[in-house]
C-alpha atoms as a PDB file:
ATOM      1  CA  MET A   1       0.122   0.037   0.070  1.00  0.00           C
ATOM      2  CA  LYS A   2       1.409   3.686  -1.035  1.00  0.00           C
ATOM      3  CA  ILE A   3       0.380   6.235   1.688  1.00  0.00           C
ATOM      4  CA  LYS A   4       0.431   9.797   1.622  1.00  0.00           C
ATOM      5  CA  VAL A   5      -0.291  12.197   4.114  1.00  0.00           C
ATOM      6  CA  PHE A   6      -0.691  15.878   2.209  1.00  0.00           C
ATOM      7  CA  THR A   7      -1.725  18.067   5.099  1.00  0.00           C
ATOM      8  CA  GLN A   8      -4.055  18.179   7.762  1.00  0.00           C
ATOM      9  CA  SER A   9      -6.171  14.896   7.303  1.00  0.00           C
ATOM     10  CA  ALA A  10      -5.864  14.995   3.810  1.00  0.00           C
ATOM     11  CA  ILE A  11      -4.839  11.566   2.908  1.00  0.00           C
ATOM     12  CA  ARG A  12      -4.050   8.925  -0.340  1.00  0.00           C
ATOM     13  CA  LEU A  13      -3.875   5.446  -0.480  1.00  0.00           C
ATOM     14  CA  GLU A  14      -2.951   3.544  -3.605  1.00  0.00           C
ATOM     15  CA  GLU A  15      -2.964  -0.355  -4.175  1.00  0.00           C
ATOM     16  CA  ASP A  16      -5.257  -1.824  -6.696  1.00  0.00           C
ATOM     17  CA  LYS A  17      -7.346   1.709  -6.346  1.00  0.00           C
ATOM     18  CA  VAL A  18      -6.680   5.221  -5.842  1.00  0.00           C
ATOM     19  CA  ILE A  19      -8.909   6.267  -2.599  1.00  0.00           C
ATOM     20  CA  TYR A  20      -8.582   9.864  -0.979  1.00  0.00           C
ATOM     21  CA  PHE A  21      -9.827  11.138   2.520  1.00  0.00           C
ATOM     22  CA  ASP A  22     -10.879  14.890   3.029  1.00  0.00           C
ATOM     23  CA  PRO A  23      -8.227  16.267   0.146  1.00  0.00           C
ATOM     24  CA  ILE A  24      -6.971  19.843   1.178  1.00  0.00           C
ATOM     25  CA  LYS A  25      -4.728  21.661  -0.430  1.00  0.00           C
ATOM     26  CA  ILE A  26      -4.242  19.696  -3.455  1.00  0.00           C
ATOM     27  CA  LYS A  27      -1.594  21.506  -5.788  1.00  0.00           C
ATOM     28  CA  GLU A  28      -1.646  19.440  -8.969  1.00  0.00           C
ATOM     29  CA  ASP A  29      -4.301  18.372 -11.401  1.00  0.00           C
ATOM     30  CA  LEU A  30      -4.399  14.540 -10.511  1.00  0.00           C
ATOM     31  CA  PHE A  31      -7.567  13.509 -11.745  1.00  0.00           C
ATOM     32  CA  ASP A  32      -6.695   9.873 -10.377  1.00  0.00           C
ATOM     33  CA  ALA A  33      -9.386   9.046  -7.784  1.00  0.00           C
ATOM     34  CA  ASP A  34     -11.504   6.090  -7.887  1.00  0.00           C
ATOM     35  CA  MET A  35     -13.216   7.200  -4.853  1.00  0.00           C
ATOM     36  CA  VAL A  36     -13.017   9.851  -2.540  1.00  0.00           C
ATOM     37  CA  PHE A  37     -14.305   9.814   1.238  1.00  0.00           C
ATOM     38  CA  ILE A  38     -15.073  13.023   3.503  1.00  0.00           C
ATOM     39  CA  THR A  39     -15.739  12.899   6.872  1.00  0.00           C
ATOM     40  CA  HIS A  40     -17.533  16.330   7.438  1.00  0.00           C
ATOM     41  CA  ASP A  41     -17.883  19.582   6.444  1.00  0.00           C
ATOM     42  CA  HIS A  42     -15.799  21.745   7.769  1.00  0.00           C
ATOM     43  CA  TYR A  43     -13.427  23.936   5.410  1.00  0.00           C
ATOM     44  CA  ASP A  44     -10.159  21.804   6.424  1.00  0.00           C
ATOM     45  CA  HIS A  45     -11.750  18.375   5.442  1.00  0.00           C
ATOM     46  CA  PHE A  46     -14.196  19.142   2.417  1.00  0.00           C
ATOM     47  CA  GLU A  47     -12.593  21.622   0.013  1.00  0.00           C
ATOM     48  CA  VAL A  48     -14.672  21.648  -3.730  1.00  0.00           C
ATOM     49  CA  SER A  49     -11.311  22.953  -5.134  1.00  0.00           C
ATOM     50  CA  SER A  50      -9.079  19.930  -4.301  1.00  0.00           C
ATOM     51  CA  ILE A  51     -11.738  17.488  -4.802  1.00  0.00           C
ATOM     52  CA  LYS A  52     -11.959  18.538  -8.055  1.00  0.00           C
ATOM     53  CA  LYS A  53      -8.338  17.978  -8.696  1.00  0.00           C
ATOM     54  CA  VAL A  54      -8.408  14.521  -7.960  1.00  0.00           C
ATOM     55  CA  ILE A  55     -11.701  13.142  -9.277  1.00  0.00           C
ATOM     56  CA  ASN A  56     -12.560  12.123 -12.774  1.00  0.00           C
ATOM     57  CA  ASP A  57     -15.797  11.005 -14.602  1.00  0.00           C
ATOM     58  CA  GLN A  58     -15.720   7.945 -13.025  1.00  0.00           C
ATOM     59  CA  SER A  59     -15.147   8.640  -9.229  1.00  0.00           C
ATOM     60  CA  VAL A  60     -17.141   8.194  -6.465  1.00  0.00           C
ATOM     61  CA  LEU A  61     -17.495  10.883  -3.627  1.00  0.00           C
ATOM     62  CA  ILE A  62     -18.571   9.361  -0.438  1.00  0.00           C
ATOM     63  CA  VAL A  63     -20.332  11.812   1.821  1.00  0.00           C
ATOM     64  CA  PRO A  64     -22.268  12.149   5.268  1.00  0.00           C
ATOM     65  CA  LYS A  65     -25.827  13.228   5.066  1.00  0.00           C
ATOM     66  CA  CYS A  66     -24.941  16.924   6.173  1.00  0.00           C
ATOM     67  CA  LEU A  67     -22.950  17.243   2.839  1.00  0.00           C
ATOM     68  CA  GLU A  68     -25.239  15.667   0.397  1.00  0.00           C
ATOM     69  CA  GLU A  69     -26.329  18.826  -1.216  1.00  0.00           C
ATOM     70  CA  GLU A  70     -22.630  20.150  -1.826  1.00  0.00           C
ATOM     71  CA  ALA A  71     -21.605  17.022  -3.146  1.00  0.00           C
ATOM     72  CA  LEU A  72     -24.164  16.575  -5.653  1.00  0.00           C
ATOM     73  CA  LYS A  73     -22.770  20.097  -7.004  1.00  0.00           C
ATOM     74  CA  VAL A  74     -19.388  18.503  -7.505  1.00  0.00           C
ATOM     75  CA  THR A  75     -20.405  15.328  -9.345  1.00  0.00           C
ATOM     76  CA  ASP A  76     -23.578  13.232  -9.735  1.00  0.00           C
ATOM     77  CA  LYS A  77     -21.620  10.231  -8.535  1.00  0.00           C
ATOM     78  CA  VAL A  78     -22.139  10.794  -5.034  1.00  0.00           C
ATOM     79  CA  VAL A  79     -22.851   8.180  -2.105  1.00  0.00           C
ATOM     80  CA  VAL A  80     -24.741   9.485   1.318  1.00  0.00           C
ATOM     81  CA  VAL A  81     -23.517   7.609   4.480  1.00  0.00           C
ATOM     82  CA  GLU A  82     -24.539   7.245   8.066  1.00  0.00           C
ATOM     83  CA  PRO A  83     -22.958   6.623  11.460  1.00  0.00           C
ATOM     84  CA  GLY A  84     -22.782   3.068  12.514  1.00  0.00           C
ATOM     85  CA  LYS A  85     -23.422   1.485   9.030  1.00  0.00           C
ATOM     86  CA  ASN A  86     -21.372  -1.139   6.839  1.00  0.00           C
ATOM     87  CA  TYR A  87     -21.123  -0.549   2.916  1.00  0.00           C
ATOM     88  CA  THR A  88     -19.731  -2.032  -0.078  1.00  0.00           C
ATOM     89  CA  ILE A  89     -18.850  -0.052  -3.290  1.00  0.00           C
ATOM     90  CA  GLY A  90     -17.347  -2.011  -5.857  1.00  0.00           C
ATOM     91  CA  ASN A  91     -14.814  -4.296  -4.292  1.00  0.00           C
ATOM     92  CA  ILE A  92     -14.109  -1.989  -1.177  1.00  0.00           C
ATOM     93  CA  SER A  93     -16.340  -2.715   2.081  1.00  0.00           C
ATOM     94  CA  PHE A  94     -16.108   0.115   4.689  1.00  0.00           C
ATOM     95  CA  GLU A  95     -17.609   0.926   8.189  1.00  0.00           C
ATOM     96  CA  THR A  96     -18.718   4.177   9.109  1.00  0.00           C
ATOM     97  CA  ILE A  97     -18.060   5.127  13.077  1.00  0.00           C
ATOM     98  CA  PRO A  98     -19.565   8.264  14.499  1.00  0.00           C
ATOM     99  CA  ALA A  99     -16.688  11.172  14.857  1.00  0.00           C
ATOM    100  CA  TYR A 100     -17.603  13.579  17.399  1.00  0.00           C
ATOM    101  CA  ASN A 101     -16.240  15.604  20.553  1.00  0.00           C
ATOM    102  CA  LEU A 102     -17.065  14.232  24.043  1.00  0.00           C
ATOM    103  CA  ASP A 103     -16.248  17.795  25.790  1.00  0.00           C
ATOM    104  CA  LYS A 104     -15.921  20.314  22.994  1.00  0.00           C
ATOM    105  CA  MET A 105     -18.854  21.980  20.810  1.00  0.00           C
ATOM    106  CA  PHE A 106     -16.931  21.775  17.535  1.00  0.00           C
ATOM    107  CA  HIS A 107     -17.847  18.128  16.272  1.00  0.00           C
ATOM    108  CA  PRO A 108     -21.787  17.437  17.992  1.00  0.00           C
ATOM    109  CA  LYS A 109     -22.595  14.021  17.734  1.00  0.00           C
ATOM    110  CA  GLU A 110     -25.949  14.711  16.257  1.00  0.00           C
ATOM    111  CA  LYS A 111     -24.204  16.138  13.020  1.00  0.00           C
ATOM    112  CA  GLY A 112     -23.434  12.560  11.947  1.00  0.00           C
ATOM    113  CA  TYR A 113     -19.938  13.275  11.168  1.00  0.00           C
ATOM    114  CA  VAL A 114     -18.136   9.822  10.436  1.00  0.00           C
ATOM    115  CA  GLY A 115     -14.779   8.195   9.942  1.00  0.00           C
ATOM    116  CA  TYR A 116     -14.234   5.350   7.829  1.00  0.00           C
ATOM    117  CA  ASN A 117     -12.688   1.791   8.537  1.00  0.00           C
ATOM    118  CA  VAL A 118     -12.113   0.681   5.183  1.00  0.00           C
ATOM    119  CA  LEU A 119     -11.205  -2.946   3.970  1.00  0.00           C
ATOM    120  CA  ILE A 120      -8.656  -2.970   1.412  1.00  0.00           C
ATOM    121  CA  ASN A 121      -6.738  -6.736   0.252  1.00  0.00           C
ATOM    122  CA  ASN A 122      -7.768  -8.111   3.670  1.00  0.00           C
ATOM    123  CA  LYS A 123      -5.986  -5.119   5.635  1.00  0.00           C
ATOM    124  CA  LYS A 124      -8.509  -2.393   7.428  1.00  0.00           C
ATOM    125  CA  TYR A 125      -7.499   1.483   7.233  1.00  0.00           C
ATOM    126  CA  TYR A 126      -9.338   3.681   9.526  1.00  0.00           C
ATOM    127  CA  ILE A 127      -9.200   7.366   9.315  1.00  0.00           C
ATOM    128  CA  MET A 128     -11.019   8.755  12.154  1.00  0.00           C
ATOM    129  CA  GLY A 129     -12.039  12.107  11.211  1.00  0.00           C
ATOM    130  CA  ASP A 130     -12.217  14.649  13.588  1.00  0.00           C
ATOM    131  CA  THR A 131     -13.113  13.019  17.119  1.00  0.00           C
ATOM    132  CA  ASP A 132     -12.251  12.156  20.475  1.00  0.00           C
ATOM    133  CA  ALA A 133     -11.671   8.698  22.157  1.00  0.00           C
ATOM    134  CA  THR A 134     -15.298   7.851  21.918  1.00  0.00           C
ATOM    135  CA  GLU A 135     -16.796   4.246  23.014  1.00  0.00           C
ATOM    136  CA  GLU A 136     -17.315   3.816  19.194  1.00  0.00           C
ATOM    137  CA  ALA A 137     -13.785   4.559  18.335  1.00  0.00           C
ATOM    138  CA  LEU A 138     -12.722   2.224  21.209  1.00  0.00           C
ATOM    139  CA  ASN A 139     -14.686  -0.690  19.711  1.00  0.00           C
ATOM    140  CA  VAL A 140     -13.191  -0.332  16.231  1.00  0.00           C
ATOM    141  CA  THR A 141     -11.106  -3.375  15.389  1.00  0.00           C
ATOM    142  CA  THR A 142      -8.312  -2.284  12.458  1.00  0.00           C
ATOM    143  CA  ASP A 143      -4.742  -2.702  11.280  1.00  0.00           C
ATOM    144  CA  VAL A 144      -3.801   0.695  10.368  1.00  0.00           C
ATOM    145  CA  CYS A 145      -4.949   3.886  12.322  1.00  0.00           C
ATOM    146  CA  PHE A 146      -4.879   7.696  10.899  1.00  0.00           C
ATOM    147  CA  VAL A 147      -5.407   9.220  14.262  1.00  0.00           C
ATOM    148  CA  PRO A 148      -6.100  13.353  14.866  1.00  0.00           C
ATOM    149  CA  ILE A 149      -3.688  14.273  17.434  1.00  0.00           C
ATOM    150  CA  GLY A 150      -3.726  18.418  16.961  1.00  0.00           C
ATOM    151  CA  GLY A 151      -6.034  19.282  20.077  1.00  0.00           C
ATOM    152  CA  THR A 152      -8.498  21.836  20.423  1.00  0.00           C
ATOM    153  CA  TYR A 153     -10.888  20.411  17.537  1.00  0.00           C
ATOM    154  CA  THR A 154      -9.971  17.013  18.183  1.00  0.00           C
ATOM    155  CA  MET A 155      -7.739  14.712  20.497  1.00  0.00           C
ATOM    156  CA  GLY A 156      -4.418  16.278  21.785  1.00  0.00           C
ATOM    157  CA  MET A 157      -1.365  14.121  21.574  1.00  0.00           C
ATOM    158  CA  ILE A 158      -1.654  12.809  25.089  1.00  0.00           C
ATOM    159  CA  GLU A 159      -5.154  11.572  24.777  1.00  0.00           C
ATOM    160  CA  ALA A 160      -4.479  10.366  21.078  1.00  0.00           C
ATOM    161  CA  SER A 161      -1.760   8.384  22.332  1.00  0.00           C
ATOM    162  CA  ALA A 162      -3.521   6.491  25.156  1.00  0.00           C
ATOM    163  CA  TYR A 163      -6.222   5.727  22.837  1.00  0.00           C
ATOM    164  CA  ILE A 164      -3.973   3.872  20.405  1.00  0.00           C
ATOM    165  CA  ASN A 165      -2.185   2.120  23.204  1.00  0.00           C
ATOM    166  CA  LYS A 166      -5.790   0.783  24.102  1.00  0.00           C
ATOM    167  CA  LEU A 167      -6.682   0.421  20.650  1.00  0.00           C
ATOM    168  CA  ARG A 168      -3.963  -1.482  19.711  1.00  0.00           C
ATOM    169  CA  PRO A 169      -3.584  -1.422  15.705  1.00  0.00           C
ATOM    170  CA  LYS A 170      -0.593  -2.741  13.872  1.00  0.00           C
ATOM    171  CA  LYS A 171       0.610   0.650  12.668  1.00  0.00           C
ATOM    172  CA  VAL A 172      -0.367   4.388  13.423  1.00  0.00           C
ATOM    173  CA  ILE A 173      -0.234   7.566  11.412  1.00  0.00           C
ATOM    174  CA  PRO A 174      -0.838  10.495  13.226  1.00  0.00           C
ATOM    175  CA  ILE A 175      -2.640  13.158  11.399  1.00  0.00           C
ATOM    176  CA  HIS A 176      -4.276  16.625  11.850  1.00  0.00           C
ATOM    177  CA  TYR A 177      -1.300  18.909  13.398  1.00  0.00           C
ATOM    178  CA  GLY A 178       1.336  21.124  12.136  1.00  0.00           C
ATOM    179  CA  SER A 179      -0.750  23.183   9.742  1.00  0.00           C
ATOM    180  CA  ILE A 180      -3.951  24.691  11.127  1.00  0.00           C
ATOM    181  CA  VAL A 181      -3.286  23.554  15.144  1.00  0.00           C
ATOM    182  CA  GLY A 182      -0.933  21.630  16.768  1.00  0.00           C
ATOM    183  CA  ASP A 183       2.998  22.163  16.082  1.00  0.00           C
ATOM    184  CA  LYS A 184       5.033  19.921  13.918  1.00  0.00           C
ATOM    185  CA  SER A 185       6.680  18.387  16.808  1.00  0.00           C
ATOM    186  CA  LEU A 186       3.745  16.512  17.797  1.00  0.00           C
ATOM    187  CA  GLY A 187       4.356  13.835  15.588  1.00  0.00           C
ATOM    188  CA  GLU A 188       7.300  12.529  17.421  1.00  0.00           C
ATOM    189  CA  GLU A 189       6.282  13.561  20.891  1.00  0.00           C
ATOM    190  CA  PHE A 190       3.342  11.420  19.986  1.00  0.00           C
ATOM    191  CA  LYS A 191       5.402   8.383  18.861  1.00  0.00           C
ATOM    192  CA  GLU A 192       7.581   8.283  21.817  1.00  0.00           C
ATOM    193  CA  LYS A 193       4.297   7.523  24.264  1.00  0.00           C
ATOM    194  CA  ILE A 194       3.401   4.614  21.777  1.00  0.00           C
ATOM    195  CA  ASP A 195       4.031   1.207  22.879  1.00  0.00           C
ATOM    196  CA  LYS A 196       6.906  -0.429  20.976  1.00  0.00           C
ATOM    197  CA  GLU A 197       4.911  -3.317  19.378  1.00  0.00           C
ATOM    198  CA  ILE A 198       2.989  -0.499  17.543  1.00  0.00           C
ATOM    199  CA  GLU A 199       4.282   0.639  14.576  1.00  0.00           C
ATOM    200  CA  VAL A 200       4.346   4.454  14.201  1.00  0.00           C
ATOM    201  CA  GLU A 201       4.771   6.152  10.786  1.00  0.00           C
ATOM    202  CA  ILE A 202       5.300   9.886  10.331  1.00  0.00           C
ATOM    203  CA  LEU A 203       3.931  11.235   7.403  1.00  0.00           C
ATOM    204  CA  LEU A 204       3.274  14.836   8.189  1.00  0.00           C
END
């Protein structure tokens, strides 16, 4: 699996298919996406100009209900999802995990924001979205977890590291820091707090 993190939570996975999550600040015209997953409607996760740089005529755009209207202005190939459900598109299966704050007002549970736990070639990739360490997030089974660590709007570095040590994926990739919120040094600080049995890959 080729994995790239552009900035914030903008992720590109490439194996049999090319899959993006929350693309923002994409500089090149790529037009290579098979699927684009959006976690929620905030400007640093849903950026129309970047989506248009990665999609083509066959790309599928997957969005939570709150973005249905805006997504259909970008493409007619839209799949609308709800939290806590299982979906299959082509040969890609995924579950939607509720993404919300426990003690902050930025991401209320009732908004229906999601993270995605995507099964690709017998390996699960959990892109959490903007969330805290919720009960639903703690009950996910996954191989690779993309966890927000920047704080303010999501888990901070301390909370995120404790969450990962409980979740115990095979690999963790910290995201959502180093640009809008959270110093660039947070990645290495996070890595130091993760149990040695869990691989940590810093891509931001």
